[in-house]
N, C-alpha and C. Protein backbone atom coordinates (compact mmCIF):
# COMPACT_ATOMS: atom_id res chain seq x y z
N MET A 1 -3.80 19.64 216.90
CA MET A 1 -5.00 20.26 217.35
C MET A 1 -4.90 21.70 217.98
N ASP A 2 -5.75 22.53 217.55
CA ASP A 2 -6.04 23.98 218.35
C ASP A 2 -6.60 23.90 219.28
N VAL A 3 -6.67 24.83 220.14
CA VAL A 3 -7.21 24.94 221.23
C VAL A 3 -8.82 24.87 221.14
N TYR A 4 -9.59 25.45 220.13
CA TYR A 4 -10.95 25.58 219.96
C TYR A 4 -11.54 23.88 219.53
N GLU A 5 -10.51 23.26 219.01
CA GLU A 5 -10.96 22.01 218.46
C GLU A 5 -10.95 20.80 219.60
N ALA A 6 -9.83 21.26 220.59
CA ALA A 6 -9.69 20.44 221.65
C ALA A 6 -10.92 20.61 222.67
N VAL A 7 -11.51 21.91 222.75
CA VAL A 7 -12.46 22.25 223.69
C VAL A 7 -13.71 21.71 223.07
N LYS A 8 -14.08 21.88 221.76
CA LYS A 8 -15.16 21.21 221.17
C LYS A 8 -15.43 19.94 221.04
N SER A 9 -14.06 19.17 221.10
CA SER A 9 -14.08 17.62 221.06
C SER A 9 -14.38 16.88 222.40
N ARG A 10 -13.93 17.62 223.50
CA ARG A 10 -13.69 17.20 224.70
C ARG A 10 -15.07 16.84 225.20
N ARG A 11 -15.48 15.67 225.76
CA ARG A 11 -16.58 14.89 226.13
C ARG A 11 -16.18 13.81 226.83
N SER A 12 -17.23 13.59 227.92
CA SER A 12 -17.06 12.68 228.86
C SER A 12 -17.27 11.22 228.10
N VAL A 13 -16.37 10.51 227.60
CA VAL A 13 -16.20 9.07 226.88
C VAL A 13 -16.81 8.19 227.88
N ARG A 14 -17.58 7.36 227.64
CA ARG A 14 -17.80 6.30 228.57
C ARG A 14 -18.01 5.04 227.83
N GLY A 15 -16.65 4.87 226.98
CA GLY A 15 -16.49 3.26 226.08
C GLY A 15 -15.13 3.73 225.74
N PHE A 16 -14.15 2.79 226.54
CA PHE A 16 -12.90 2.93 225.79
C PHE A 16 -12.20 1.47 225.68
N LYS A 17 -11.16 1.66 224.27
CA LYS A 17 -10.40 0.37 224.11
C LYS A 17 -9.35 0.09 225.20
N ASP A 18 -8.94 -1.14 225.12
CA ASP A 18 -8.21 -1.52 226.03
C ASP A 18 -6.65 -1.42 225.57
N GLU A 19 -6.34 -0.44 224.54
CA GLU A 19 -5.22 -0.10 224.17
C GLU A 19 -4.60 0.92 225.26
N PRO A 20 -3.28 0.41 225.66
CA PRO A 20 -2.52 1.09 226.64
C PRO A 20 -2.25 2.74 226.33
N VAL A 21 -2.24 3.07 227.38
CA VAL A 21 -1.76 4.61 227.27
C VAL A 21 -0.24 4.65 227.90
N LYS A 22 0.42 5.47 226.87
CA LYS A 22 2.04 5.32 227.23
C LYS A 22 2.34 6.19 228.44
N ARG A 23 3.38 5.80 229.28
CA ARG A 23 3.60 6.29 230.71
C ARG A 23 4.11 7.90 230.02
N GLU A 24 4.99 7.81 228.90
CA GLU A 24 5.78 8.95 228.71
C GLU A 24 4.48 10.24 228.23
N VAL A 25 3.28 9.78 227.70
CA VAL A 25 2.22 10.70 227.28
C VAL A 25 1.39 11.18 228.58
N LEU A 26 1.35 10.37 229.50
CA LEU A 26 0.71 10.91 230.62
C LEU A 26 1.76 11.81 231.52
N GLU A 27 3.04 11.61 231.52
CA GLU A 27 3.67 12.27 232.24
C GLU A 27 3.83 13.95 231.52
N ARG A 28 3.95 13.70 230.07
CA ARG A 28 4.05 14.99 229.19
C ARG A 28 2.76 16.09 229.37
N VAL A 29 1.49 15.15 229.65
CA VAL A 29 0.07 15.84 229.97
C VAL A 29 0.18 16.43 231.39
N LEU A 30 0.68 15.67 232.29
CA LEU A 30 0.54 16.03 233.61
C LEU A 30 1.58 17.35 233.93
N SER A 31 2.78 17.02 233.22
CA SER A 31 3.70 18.12 233.33
C SER A 31 3.17 19.24 232.82
N ALA A 32 2.53 19.36 232.09
CA ALA A 32 2.14 20.80 231.20
C ALA A 32 0.89 21.19 232.17
N ALA A 33 0.14 20.19 232.61
CA ALA A 33 -1.17 20.73 233.80
C ALA A 33 -0.51 21.70 234.68
N ALA A 34 0.52 21.11 235.07
CA ALA A 34 1.20 21.79 236.26
C ALA A 34 1.18 23.16 236.02
N TRP A 35 1.24 23.88 234.76
CA TRP A 35 0.94 25.43 234.86
C TRP A 35 -0.49 25.85 235.07
N SER A 36 -1.43 25.02 235.26
CA SER A 36 -2.67 25.61 235.30
C SER A 36 -2.58 26.53 236.33
N PRO A 37 -3.50 27.60 236.37
CA PRO A 37 -3.68 28.57 237.09
C PRO A 37 -4.05 28.36 238.63
N SER A 38 -3.82 28.82 239.75
CA SER A 38 -4.30 28.72 241.20
C SER A 38 -4.12 29.91 241.68
N GLY A 39 -4.72 30.31 242.71
CA GLY A 39 -4.50 31.28 243.62
C GLY A 39 -3.15 31.64 244.33
N SER A 40 -2.20 32.46 244.26
CA SER A 40 -1.47 32.73 244.73
C SER A 40 -0.37 31.12 244.62
N ASN A 41 -0.51 30.57 243.47
CA ASN A 41 0.18 29.55 242.99
C ASN A 41 0.37 28.63 244.10
N ILE A 42 -0.74 27.96 244.80
CA ILE A 42 -0.61 27.15 245.82
C ILE A 42 -0.60 25.82 245.38
N GLN A 43 -1.27 25.57 244.12
CA GLN A 43 -1.38 24.31 243.49
C GLN A 43 -1.90 23.28 244.48
N PRO A 44 -3.20 23.34 244.64
CA PRO A 44 -3.94 22.55 245.73
C PRO A 44 -4.39 21.01 245.18
N TRP A 45 -3.83 21.04 244.10
CA TRP A 45 -4.29 19.33 243.70
C TRP A 45 -3.05 18.11 244.10
N ASN A 46 -3.72 17.39 244.31
CA ASN A 46 -2.82 15.82 244.67
C ASN A 46 -3.47 14.65 244.02
N THR A 47 -2.34 14.39 242.87
CA THR A 47 -2.69 13.40 241.97
C THR A 47 -2.27 12.12 241.85
N TYR A 48 -2.94 11.10 241.81
CA TYR A 48 -2.51 9.76 241.69
C TYR A 48 -3.04 9.18 240.38
N VAL A 49 -2.08 8.50 239.28
CA VAL A 49 -2.44 7.91 238.23
C VAL A 49 -2.04 6.43 238.36
N MET A 50 -2.92 5.71 237.89
CA MET A 50 -3.08 4.58 237.76
C MET A 50 -3.17 3.76 236.41
N THR A 51 -2.39 2.59 236.33
CA THR A 51 -2.40 1.77 234.94
C THR A 51 -2.28 0.25 235.31
N GLY A 52 -2.16 -0.51 234.72
CA GLY A 52 -1.87 -1.88 234.64
C GLY A 52 -2.53 -2.71 235.95
N ALA A 53 -1.73 -3.49 236.55
CA ALA A 53 -2.39 -4.52 237.56
C ALA A 53 -2.83 -3.66 239.02
N SER A 54 -2.39 -2.47 239.01
CA SER A 54 -2.87 -1.76 240.34
C SER A 54 -4.26 -0.98 240.29
N LEU A 55 -4.45 -0.65 238.81
CA LEU A 55 -5.86 -0.17 238.28
C LEU A 55 -6.92 -1.19 238.19
N ALA A 56 -6.52 -2.31 237.68
CA ALA A 56 -7.30 -3.71 237.49
C ALA A 56 -7.65 -4.02 238.76
N GLU A 57 -6.70 -4.23 240.02
CA GLU A 57 -7.15 -4.51 241.18
C GLU A 57 -8.24 -3.54 241.99
N LEU A 58 -8.06 -2.20 241.58
CA LEU A 58 -8.93 -1.25 242.22
C LEU A 58 -10.21 -1.34 241.56
N LYS A 59 -10.52 -1.75 240.13
CA LYS A 59 -11.62 -1.74 239.32
C LYS A 59 -12.49 -2.96 240.03
N THR A 60 -11.63 -4.21 240.29
CA THR A 60 -12.37 -5.41 240.78
C THR A 60 -12.90 -5.12 242.06
N SER A 61 -12.15 -4.57 242.86
CA SER A 61 -12.67 -4.27 244.31
C SER A 61 -13.82 -3.26 244.32
N ALA A 62 -14.02 -2.29 243.48
CA ALA A 62 -14.86 -1.26 243.31
C ALA A 62 -16.07 -1.84 242.86
N VAL A 63 -16.13 -2.75 241.64
CA VAL A 63 -17.00 -3.15 240.95
C VAL A 63 -17.88 -4.18 241.96
N GLU A 64 -17.17 -5.01 242.54
CA GLU A 64 -17.67 -6.28 243.24
C GLU A 64 -18.34 -5.67 244.67
N ARG A 65 -17.77 -4.36 245.19
CA ARG A 65 -18.43 -3.68 246.17
C ARG A 65 -19.74 -3.17 245.85
N VAL A 66 -19.74 -2.38 244.85
CA VAL A 66 -21.03 -1.76 244.12
C VAL A 66 -21.88 -3.09 243.90
N ALA A 67 -21.45 -4.02 243.17
CA ALA A 67 -22.50 -5.20 242.88
C ALA A 67 -23.19 -5.82 243.81
N HIS A 68 -22.35 -5.82 245.09
CA HIS A 68 -22.86 -6.78 246.31
C HIS A 68 -23.65 -5.82 246.94
N GLY A 69 -24.10 -4.62 246.62
CA GLY A 69 -24.87 -3.58 247.23
C GLY A 69 -24.47 -2.98 248.51
N ASP A 70 -23.07 -3.05 248.76
CA ASP A 70 -22.71 -2.20 250.08
C ASP A 70 -22.85 -0.84 249.96
N PRO A 71 -23.17 -0.49 251.19
CA PRO A 71 -23.42 0.94 251.47
C PRO A 71 -22.56 1.66 250.80
N TRP A 72 -22.79 3.11 250.52
CA TRP A 72 -21.73 4.12 249.65
C TRP A 72 -20.89 4.45 250.98
N ASP A 73 -19.87 5.06 250.70
CA ASP A 73 -19.19 5.87 251.64
C ASP A 73 -19.74 7.13 251.94
N LYS A 74 -19.46 7.75 253.05
CA LYS A 74 -20.28 9.16 253.20
C LYS A 74 -19.50 10.22 252.34
N ARG A 75 -20.15 10.96 251.56
CA ARG A 75 -19.50 12.03 250.62
C ARG A 75 -18.74 12.90 251.79
N GLN A 76 -17.61 13.39 251.37
CA GLN A 76 -16.85 14.41 251.90
C GLN A 76 -17.25 15.80 251.61
N TYR A 77 -17.97 15.76 250.46
CA TYR A 77 -18.35 17.20 250.04
C TYR A 77 -19.90 16.94 249.42
N GLU A 78 -20.62 18.21 249.28
CA GLU A 78 -21.91 17.83 248.68
C GLU A 78 -21.73 18.35 247.34
N MET A 79 -22.07 17.02 246.46
CA MET A 79 -21.84 17.02 245.03
C MET A 79 -23.00 18.23 244.43
N TYR A 80 -24.43 17.90 245.01
CA TYR A 80 -25.48 18.82 244.30
C TYR A 80 -26.07 19.16 245.56
N PRO A 81 -26.62 20.30 245.64
CA PRO A 81 -27.61 20.97 246.66
C PRO A 81 -28.96 19.65 246.41
N HIS A 82 -29.36 19.61 247.83
CA HIS A 82 -30.47 18.98 247.80
C HIS A 82 -31.59 19.07 246.91
N GLU A 83 -31.93 20.52 246.75
CA GLU A 83 -32.85 20.76 245.76
C GLU A 83 -32.03 21.76 244.58
N LEU A 84 -32.22 21.32 243.22
CA LEU A 84 -31.66 21.94 242.08
C LEU A 84 -32.62 23.08 241.62
N LYS A 85 -32.55 24.30 241.82
CA LYS A 85 -33.58 25.18 241.25
C LYS A 85 -33.25 25.29 239.99
N PRO A 86 -34.36 26.10 239.05
CA PRO A 86 -33.97 26.31 237.74
C PRO A 86 -33.00 27.33 237.43
N PRO A 87 -32.40 27.22 236.34
CA PRO A 87 -32.69 26.02 235.27
C PRO A 87 -31.66 24.61 235.61
N TYR A 88 -30.98 24.56 236.62
CA TYR A 88 -29.97 23.62 236.88
C TYR A 88 -30.64 22.27 236.93
N GLY A 89 -31.50 21.93 237.64
CA GLY A 89 -32.28 20.75 237.80
C GLY A 89 -32.82 20.27 236.33
N GLU A 90 -33.45 21.12 235.67
CA GLU A 90 -33.86 20.86 234.14
C GLU A 90 -32.50 20.43 233.33
N ARG A 91 -31.70 20.90 233.47
CA ARG A 91 -30.44 20.71 232.78
C ARG A 91 -29.90 19.27 233.29
N ARG A 92 -30.02 19.19 234.48
CA ARG A 92 -29.64 17.78 235.01
C ARG A 92 -30.32 16.60 234.64
N SER A 93 -31.57 16.93 234.52
CA SER A 93 -32.76 15.91 234.12
C SER A 93 -32.59 15.55 232.53
N ALA A 94 -32.34 16.36 231.89
CA ALA A 94 -32.34 16.31 230.73
C ALA A 94 -30.87 15.57 229.99
N PHE A 95 -30.16 15.67 230.87
CA PHE A 95 -28.85 15.34 230.61
C PHE A 95 -29.00 13.66 230.96
N GLY A 96 -29.67 13.12 231.96
CA GLY A 96 -29.96 12.01 232.26
C GLY A 96 -30.77 11.39 231.25
N LYS A 97 -31.73 12.01 230.96
CA LYS A 97 -32.97 11.39 229.86
C LYS A 97 -32.05 11.18 228.40
N GLU A 98 -31.07 12.26 228.11
CA GLU A 98 -30.25 11.65 226.86
C GLU A 98 -29.38 10.71 226.81
N ARG A 99 -28.75 10.49 228.09
CA ARG A 99 -27.53 9.51 228.17
C ARG A 99 -28.61 7.93 228.28
N TYR A 100 -29.33 7.80 229.01
CA TYR A 100 -30.07 6.51 229.03
C TYR A 100 -31.00 6.21 227.55
N SER A 101 -31.20 7.16 227.17
CA SER A 101 -31.99 6.92 225.82
C SER A 101 -31.08 6.57 224.84
N ALA A 102 -29.56 7.13 224.80
CA ALA A 102 -28.74 6.62 223.97
C ALA A 102 -28.51 4.97 224.15
N LEU A 103 -28.56 4.70 225.35
CA LEU A 103 -27.94 3.57 225.84
C LEU A 103 -29.49 2.42 225.55
N GLY A 104 -30.42 3.22 225.29
CA GLY A 104 -31.52 2.09 224.94
C GLY A 104 -32.23 1.65 226.31
N ILE A 105 -32.09 2.34 227.39
CA ILE A 105 -32.59 1.97 228.79
C ILE A 105 -33.75 2.81 229.18
N ALA A 106 -34.97 2.25 229.59
CA ALA A 106 -36.24 3.13 229.73
C ALA A 106 -35.88 3.78 231.25
N ARG A 107 -36.68 4.77 231.47
CA ARG A 107 -36.58 5.29 232.58
C ARG A 107 -36.80 4.36 233.95
N GLU A 108 -37.90 3.56 233.82
CA GLU A 108 -38.36 2.54 234.84
C GLU A 108 -37.39 1.37 234.89
N ASP A 109 -36.46 1.03 233.91
CA ASP A 109 -35.66 -0.05 233.99
C ASP A 109 -34.34 0.09 234.76
N TRP A 110 -34.73 0.06 236.30
CA TRP A 110 -33.91 0.37 237.43
C TRP A 110 -32.70 -0.88 237.11
N GLU A 111 -32.83 -2.01 236.80
CA GLU A 111 -31.51 -2.86 236.93
C GLU A 111 -30.74 -2.34 235.67
N ALA A 112 -31.16 -2.17 234.63
CA ALA A 112 -30.29 -1.67 233.63
C ALA A 112 -29.34 -0.28 233.88
N ARG A 113 -30.18 0.59 234.35
CA ARG A 113 -29.67 1.79 234.90
C ARG A 113 -28.35 1.56 236.15
N GLN A 114 -28.50 0.28 236.97
CA GLN A 114 -27.81 0.16 237.92
C GLN A 114 -26.39 -0.44 237.01
N ARG A 115 -26.73 -1.35 235.91
CA ARG A 115 -25.57 -1.86 235.30
C ARG A 115 -24.98 -0.99 234.70
N ALA A 116 -25.45 0.09 233.85
CA ALA A 116 -24.98 1.41 233.51
C ALA A 116 -24.14 2.11 234.20
N ALA A 117 -24.71 2.20 235.56
CA ALA A 117 -23.53 2.75 236.62
C ALA A 117 -22.67 2.16 237.04
N ILE A 118 -22.79 0.96 236.95
CA ILE A 118 -21.59 0.28 237.74
C ILE A 118 -20.33 0.34 236.92
N ALA A 119 -20.51 0.56 235.61
CA ALA A 119 -19.55 0.73 234.51
C ALA A 119 -18.55 1.90 234.95
N ASN A 120 -19.11 2.84 235.84
CA ASN A 120 -18.06 3.65 236.16
C ASN A 120 -16.88 3.11 236.88
N TRP A 121 -17.09 2.32 237.77
CA TRP A 121 -16.08 1.84 238.63
C TRP A 121 -14.99 0.88 237.87
N ASN A 122 -15.50 0.56 236.81
CA ASN A 122 -14.60 -0.06 235.49
C ASN A 122 -13.86 0.96 234.84
N CYS A 123 -14.04 2.13 235.16
CA CYS A 123 -13.74 3.20 234.46
C CYS A 123 -14.12 2.84 232.62
N PHE A 124 -15.28 2.28 232.65
CA PHE A 124 -15.70 2.33 231.24
C PHE A 124 -14.75 1.26 230.19
N GLY A 125 -13.99 0.62 230.91
CA GLY A 125 -12.72 0.00 230.23
C GLY A 125 -11.84 0.50 229.91
N ALA A 126 -11.60 1.81 230.50
CA ALA A 126 -10.00 2.71 230.21
C ALA A 126 -9.07 1.83 230.75
N PRO A 127 -7.92 1.98 230.24
CA PRO A 127 -6.49 1.47 230.79
C PRO A 127 -5.91 2.37 231.74
N ALA A 128 -6.31 3.66 232.17
CA ALA A 128 -5.64 4.37 232.80
C ALA A 128 -6.71 5.40 233.48
N ALA A 129 -6.25 5.77 234.50
CA ALA A 129 -7.24 6.59 235.35
C ALA A 129 -6.04 7.52 236.47
N LEU A 130 -6.90 8.70 236.77
CA LEU A 130 -6.07 9.26 237.79
C LEU A 130 -7.09 9.67 238.86
N PHE A 131 -6.96 9.82 239.92
CA PHE A 131 -7.85 10.03 241.05
C PHE A 131 -7.19 11.43 241.94
N CYS A 132 -7.98 12.66 241.99
CA CYS A 132 -7.46 13.84 242.39
C CYS A 132 -7.98 14.20 243.66
N TYR A 133 -7.31 14.61 244.50
CA TYR A 133 -7.38 14.82 245.98
C TYR A 133 -7.23 16.29 246.34
N ILE A 134 -7.91 16.87 247.16
CA ILE A 134 -7.78 18.06 247.63
C ILE A 134 -7.59 18.01 249.09
N ASP A 135 -6.68 18.91 249.94
CA ASP A 135 -6.60 19.12 251.35
C ASP A 135 -7.94 19.61 251.87
N ARG A 136 -8.40 19.02 252.76
CA ARG A 136 -9.76 19.30 253.59
C ARG A 136 -9.65 20.57 254.18
N ASP A 137 -8.46 21.01 254.31
CA ASP A 137 -8.62 22.36 255.01
C ASP A 137 -8.53 23.72 254.16
N LEU A 138 -8.70 23.22 252.84
CA LEU A 138 -8.70 24.26 251.82
C LEU A 138 -10.16 24.60 251.49
N GLY A 139 -10.22 25.96 250.93
CA GLY A 139 -11.53 26.68 250.74
C GLY A 139 -12.22 26.44 249.44
N LEU A 140 -13.27 27.17 249.05
CA LEU A 140 -14.11 26.95 247.70
C LEU A 140 -13.19 27.53 246.61
N PRO A 141 -12.14 28.48 246.95
CA PRO A 141 -11.40 29.13 245.68
C PRO A 141 -10.43 27.94 245.24
N GLN A 142 -9.96 27.47 246.16
CA GLN A 142 -9.02 26.09 245.68
C GLN A 142 -9.82 24.76 245.20
N TRP A 143 -10.82 24.63 245.48
CA TRP A 143 -11.75 23.81 244.90
C TRP A 143 -11.86 24.23 243.40
N ALA A 144 -12.07 25.67 243.13
CA ALA A 144 -12.12 26.16 242.08
C ALA A 144 -10.91 25.90 241.02
N ASP A 145 -9.61 26.06 241.88
CA ASP A 145 -8.44 25.88 241.17
C ASP A 145 -8.35 24.34 240.62
N VAL A 146 -8.77 23.51 241.48
CA VAL A 146 -8.51 21.74 241.12
C VAL A 146 -9.60 21.79 239.75
N GLY A 147 -10.59 22.14 239.67
CA GLY A 147 -11.43 22.32 238.45
C GLY A 147 -10.61 22.79 237.29
N MET A 148 -10.13 23.83 237.55
CA MET A 148 -9.14 24.49 236.28
C MET A 148 -8.13 23.60 235.80
N TYR A 149 -7.48 22.97 236.93
CA TYR A 149 -6.25 21.96 236.66
C TYR A 149 -6.78 20.42 235.83
N LEU A 150 -8.12 20.14 236.36
CA LEU A 150 -8.67 19.16 235.77
C LEU A 150 -9.13 19.15 234.47
N GLN A 151 -9.61 20.15 234.20
CA GLN A 151 -9.87 20.72 232.52
C GLN A 151 -8.58 20.89 231.93
N THR A 152 -7.84 21.36 232.24
CA THR A 152 -6.52 21.50 231.65
C THR A 152 -5.84 20.05 230.94
N ILE A 153 -5.94 19.15 232.13
CA ILE A 153 -5.70 17.81 231.83
C ILE A 153 -6.40 17.38 230.80
N MET A 154 -7.76 17.60 230.84
CA MET A 154 -8.73 16.80 229.67
C MET A 154 -8.42 17.53 228.30
N LEU A 155 -8.13 18.72 228.16
CA LEU A 155 -7.76 19.16 227.10
C LEU A 155 -6.52 19.08 226.28
N LEU A 156 -5.53 18.81 227.40
CA LEU A 156 -4.12 18.37 226.98
C LEU A 156 -4.19 16.69 226.37
N LEU A 157 -5.31 16.18 226.97
CA LEU A 157 -5.34 14.61 226.70
C LEU A 157 -6.04 14.75 225.25
N ARG A 158 -6.79 15.61 224.86
CA ARG A 158 -7.39 15.75 223.46
C ARG A 158 -6.22 16.12 222.51
N ALA A 159 -5.17 16.69 222.76
CA ALA A 159 -3.98 17.19 222.00
C ALA A 159 -3.43 15.54 221.82
N GLU A 160 -3.50 14.98 222.69
CA GLU A 160 -2.72 13.61 222.33
C GLU A 160 -3.68 12.44 221.67
N GLY A 161 -4.86 12.79 220.94
CA GLY A 161 -5.49 12.05 220.57
C GLY A 161 -6.19 11.14 221.59
N LEU A 162 -6.23 11.36 223.25
CA LEU A 162 -6.96 10.78 224.03
C LEU A 162 -8.32 11.23 224.33
N HIS A 163 -9.00 10.47 224.94
CA HIS A 163 -10.28 11.00 225.38
C HIS A 163 -10.33 10.74 227.18
N SER A 164 -11.38 11.19 227.93
CA SER A 164 -11.31 11.29 229.38
C SER A 164 -12.81 11.11 229.77
N CYS A 165 -12.89 10.90 231.07
CA CYS A 165 -14.41 11.04 231.68
C CYS A 165 -14.04 11.39 233.14
N PRO A 166 -14.22 12.55 233.56
CA PRO A 166 -14.01 12.70 234.80
C PRO A 166 -15.41 12.21 235.77
N GLN A 167 -15.11 11.69 236.83
CA GLN A 167 -16.03 10.89 237.64
C GLN A 167 -16.08 11.08 239.13
N MET A 168 -17.10 11.94 239.74
CA MET A 168 -17.15 12.17 241.23
C MET A 168 -17.72 10.95 241.69
N ALA A 169 -18.05 9.85 240.82
CA ALA A 169 -18.66 8.68 241.34
C ALA A 169 -17.88 8.04 242.34
N TRP A 170 -16.55 8.48 242.22
CA TRP A 170 -15.64 7.55 242.75
C TRP A 170 -15.50 7.89 244.34
N SER A 171 -16.05 8.99 244.70
CA SER A 171 -15.95 9.66 245.78
C SER A 171 -17.13 8.90 246.63
N GLN A 172 -17.77 7.96 246.17
CA GLN A 172 -18.94 7.20 246.62
C GLN A 172 -18.17 6.03 247.41
N VAL A 173 -16.95 5.57 246.88
CA VAL A 173 -16.32 4.40 247.23
C VAL A 173 -14.82 4.98 247.62
N ARG A 174 -14.89 6.07 248.12
CA ARG A 174 -13.35 6.49 248.50
C ARG A 174 -12.67 5.75 249.23
N GLU A 175 -12.91 4.89 250.35
CA GLU A 175 -12.65 4.27 250.99
C GLU A 175 -12.08 2.88 250.56
N THR A 176 -12.44 2.46 249.42
CA THR A 176 -11.59 1.28 248.55
C THR A 176 -10.71 1.89 247.90
N VAL A 177 -10.84 3.04 247.27
CA VAL A 177 -9.65 3.97 246.65
C VAL A 177 -8.63 4.14 247.48
N ALA A 178 -8.93 4.30 248.73
CA ALA A 178 -7.72 4.80 249.65
C ALA A 178 -7.07 3.31 250.18
N GLU A 179 -7.65 2.56 250.27
CA GLU A 179 -7.18 1.04 250.39
C GLU A 179 -5.92 0.50 249.54
N VAL A 180 -6.15 1.27 247.92
CA VAL A 180 -5.03 0.82 247.23
C VAL A 180 -4.12 2.06 247.18
N LEU A 181 -4.46 3.38 247.40
CA LEU A 181 -3.56 4.43 247.21
C LEU A 181 -3.10 5.02 248.24
N SER A 182 -3.54 4.87 249.48
CA SER A 182 -2.95 5.03 250.86
C SER A 182 -2.59 6.50 250.80
N PRO A 183 -4.01 7.20 250.52
CA PRO A 183 -3.34 8.88 250.47
C PRO A 183 -2.93 9.27 252.00
N PRO A 184 -2.24 10.52 252.11
CA PRO A 184 -1.98 10.95 253.62
C PRO A 184 -3.32 11.50 253.96
N ASP A 185 -3.36 11.48 255.54
CA ASP A 185 -4.58 11.70 256.14
C ASP A 185 -4.50 13.55 255.71
N GLY A 186 -5.94 13.62 255.84
CA GLY A 186 -6.21 15.19 255.62
C GLY A 186 -6.61 15.49 254.14
N LEU A 187 -6.19 14.53 252.83
CA LEU A 187 -6.90 14.71 251.95
C LEU A 187 -8.21 14.23 251.46
N ILE A 188 -9.11 14.72 250.95
CA ILE A 188 -10.43 14.43 250.20
C ILE A 188 -10.31 14.00 248.62
N LEU A 189 -11.09 12.85 248.55
CA LEU A 189 -11.01 12.52 247.05
C LEU A 189 -11.98 13.22 246.67
N PHE A 190 -11.84 14.21 245.51
CA PHE A 190 -12.65 14.90 244.98
C PHE A 190 -13.20 13.99 243.44
N CYS A 191 -12.36 13.43 242.73
CA CYS A 191 -13.02 12.71 241.52
C CYS A 191 -12.08 11.57 241.22
N GLY A 192 -12.33 10.88 240.18
CA GLY A 192 -11.33 9.98 239.61
C GLY A 192 -11.66 10.45 237.99
N MET A 193 -10.80 10.17 237.34
CA MET A 193 -10.88 10.50 235.86
C MET A 193 -10.31 9.12 234.93
N SER A 194 -11.38 8.52 234.07
CA SER A 194 -10.79 7.49 233.30
C SER A 194 -10.13 8.00 232.04
N ILE A 195 -9.15 7.37 231.38
CA ILE A 195 -8.16 7.91 230.23
C ILE A 195 -8.13 6.96 229.46
N GLY A 196 -8.13 7.14 228.04
CA GLY A 196 -7.73 6.29 227.24
C GLY A 196 -8.13 6.63 225.77
N TYR A 197 -8.31 5.57 224.84
CA TYR A 197 -8.87 5.90 223.64
C TYR A 197 -10.13 5.53 223.30
N GLU A 198 -10.83 6.20 222.73
CA GLU A 198 -12.20 5.89 222.92
C GLU A 198 -12.85 4.56 221.70
N ASP A 199 -13.58 4.17 222.27
CA ASP A 199 -14.14 2.89 221.53
C ASP A 199 -15.25 3.63 220.76
N PRO A 200 -15.11 3.37 219.40
CA PRO A 200 -16.32 4.19 218.62
C PRO A 200 -17.64 3.25 218.29
N THR A 201 -17.45 1.91 218.86
CA THR A 201 -18.61 1.06 218.62
C THR A 201 -19.56 1.48 219.96
N VAL A 202 -19.14 2.07 220.91
CA VAL A 202 -20.24 2.67 221.88
C VAL A 202 -21.11 3.58 221.62
N SER A 203 -22.04 3.22 221.42
CA SER A 203 -23.17 4.57 221.36
C SER A 203 -23.39 5.83 222.48
N TYR A 204 -23.41 6.85 222.13
CA TYR A 204 -23.51 8.01 222.88
C TYR A 204 -24.48 9.09 222.42
N ALA A 205 -24.70 9.84 223.45
CA ALA A 205 -25.47 11.26 222.88
C ALA A 205 -24.79 12.43 223.37
N ARG A 206 -24.35 13.38 222.24
CA ARG A 206 -23.58 14.40 222.84
C ARG A 206 -24.48 15.46 223.22
N THR A 207 -24.57 15.54 224.66
CA THR A 207 -25.42 16.48 225.23
C THR A 207 -25.09 18.17 224.72
N GLY A 208 -26.22 18.78 224.68
CA GLY A 208 -26.08 20.06 224.26
C GLY A 208 -25.45 20.90 225.38
N ARG A 209 -26.02 22.16 224.74
CA ARG A 209 -25.27 23.47 225.90
C ARG A 209 -26.47 24.62 225.80
N ALA A 210 -26.38 25.30 226.83
CA ALA A 210 -27.27 26.30 226.91
C ALA A 210 -27.00 27.38 225.92
N ALA A 211 -28.01 28.20 225.22
CA ALA A 211 -27.36 29.08 224.50
C ALA A 211 -26.81 30.43 225.00
N LEU A 212 -25.70 31.01 224.28
CA LEU A 212 -24.91 32.01 225.10
C LEU A 212 -25.62 33.16 225.74
N GLY A 213 -26.67 33.27 225.44
CA GLY A 213 -27.63 34.49 226.19
C GLY A 213 -28.20 33.90 227.50
N GLU A 214 -28.07 32.51 227.65
CA GLU A 214 -28.50 32.27 229.14
C GLU A 214 -27.62 32.25 230.11
N THR A 215 -26.44 32.39 229.60
CA THR A 215 -24.91 32.06 230.54
C THR A 215 -24.26 33.18 230.58
N VAL A 216 -24.15 34.07 229.53
CA VAL A 216 -23.48 35.40 229.35
C VAL A 216 -24.11 36.71 229.35
N THR A 217 -23.39 37.61 230.12
CA THR A 217 -24.06 38.96 229.57
C THR A 217 -22.97 39.80 229.16
N PHE A 218 -23.06 40.63 227.92
CA PHE A 218 -22.37 41.57 227.44
C PHE A 218 -22.73 42.64 227.82
N LEU A 219 -21.60 43.49 228.34
CA LEU A 219 -21.70 45.02 228.55
C LEU A 219 -20.66 45.69 227.79
N GLY A 220 -21.28 46.97 227.37
CA GLY A 220 -20.42 48.19 226.70
C GLY A 220 -20.81 48.07 225.13
N ASP A 221 -19.79 48.64 224.44
CA ASP A 221 -20.11 48.36 222.89
C ASP A 221 -19.69 47.14 222.11
C-alpha cells in the first residue's frame, strides 16, 4: 500500500472484528512510528498497548462506569473551545449529523445516542488498543509532535491491513484507565486508540473534507 492509499483509506472505524492482532505486527508499527518528527527529537509520547485480558478488564470497567452514569473525570486539557467559531462549529455539527444518520439514530433519540457513545469504551469491539500520554509540563508544540506520532501509527496500521479509531473520549474516564495502567505521576492521558480489523457489516458514513481552497493558500507561480 503506497502512502497516498494509506492516507485516503485511513478513517476512524467504529466496528471491528474480534480477530486478534499479532504482537509482532504492533511492535513493527510502533518501532517504525518512533521515527516520527518531534522538536529537538524529544519524543514526547508515552504509549501503552493493551490486548487480551488486560484490555477486556479495562473495557468492562469503563463501560460499567459510563452505563451507571458516574460523573466524568475532569479533563486535563480543553478538547474544544467553549464556542467553536465558523467554519469549525459547522464542520463539527455536520460530522455528528452524518455519523448518527448512518446509524439510523434520530437527533432527539438521546438514549440511542448514549448507547452509540458507550461503544467508545468497548473500543468498538477492537481486540487491541493503545493509550497515549504526554508529560503535563510540556507545551503546545510537543502536543503537536504527539499528533504527528499518532498519525504515523494510523498510516502504518493501514499498511498492515489494519484500521484504527483515535478516541479522546478515554480522557473522560482517565482515572479508570490509570487504575489498570498505573502511569507515572505527571503524565496526562491524551487519547486512546482502538486497533483491529474492520467489521464490514457495520454501517458508516465517510465524512467529507473541505475544498482545498478553504484550507490551503498557494503563493507564487
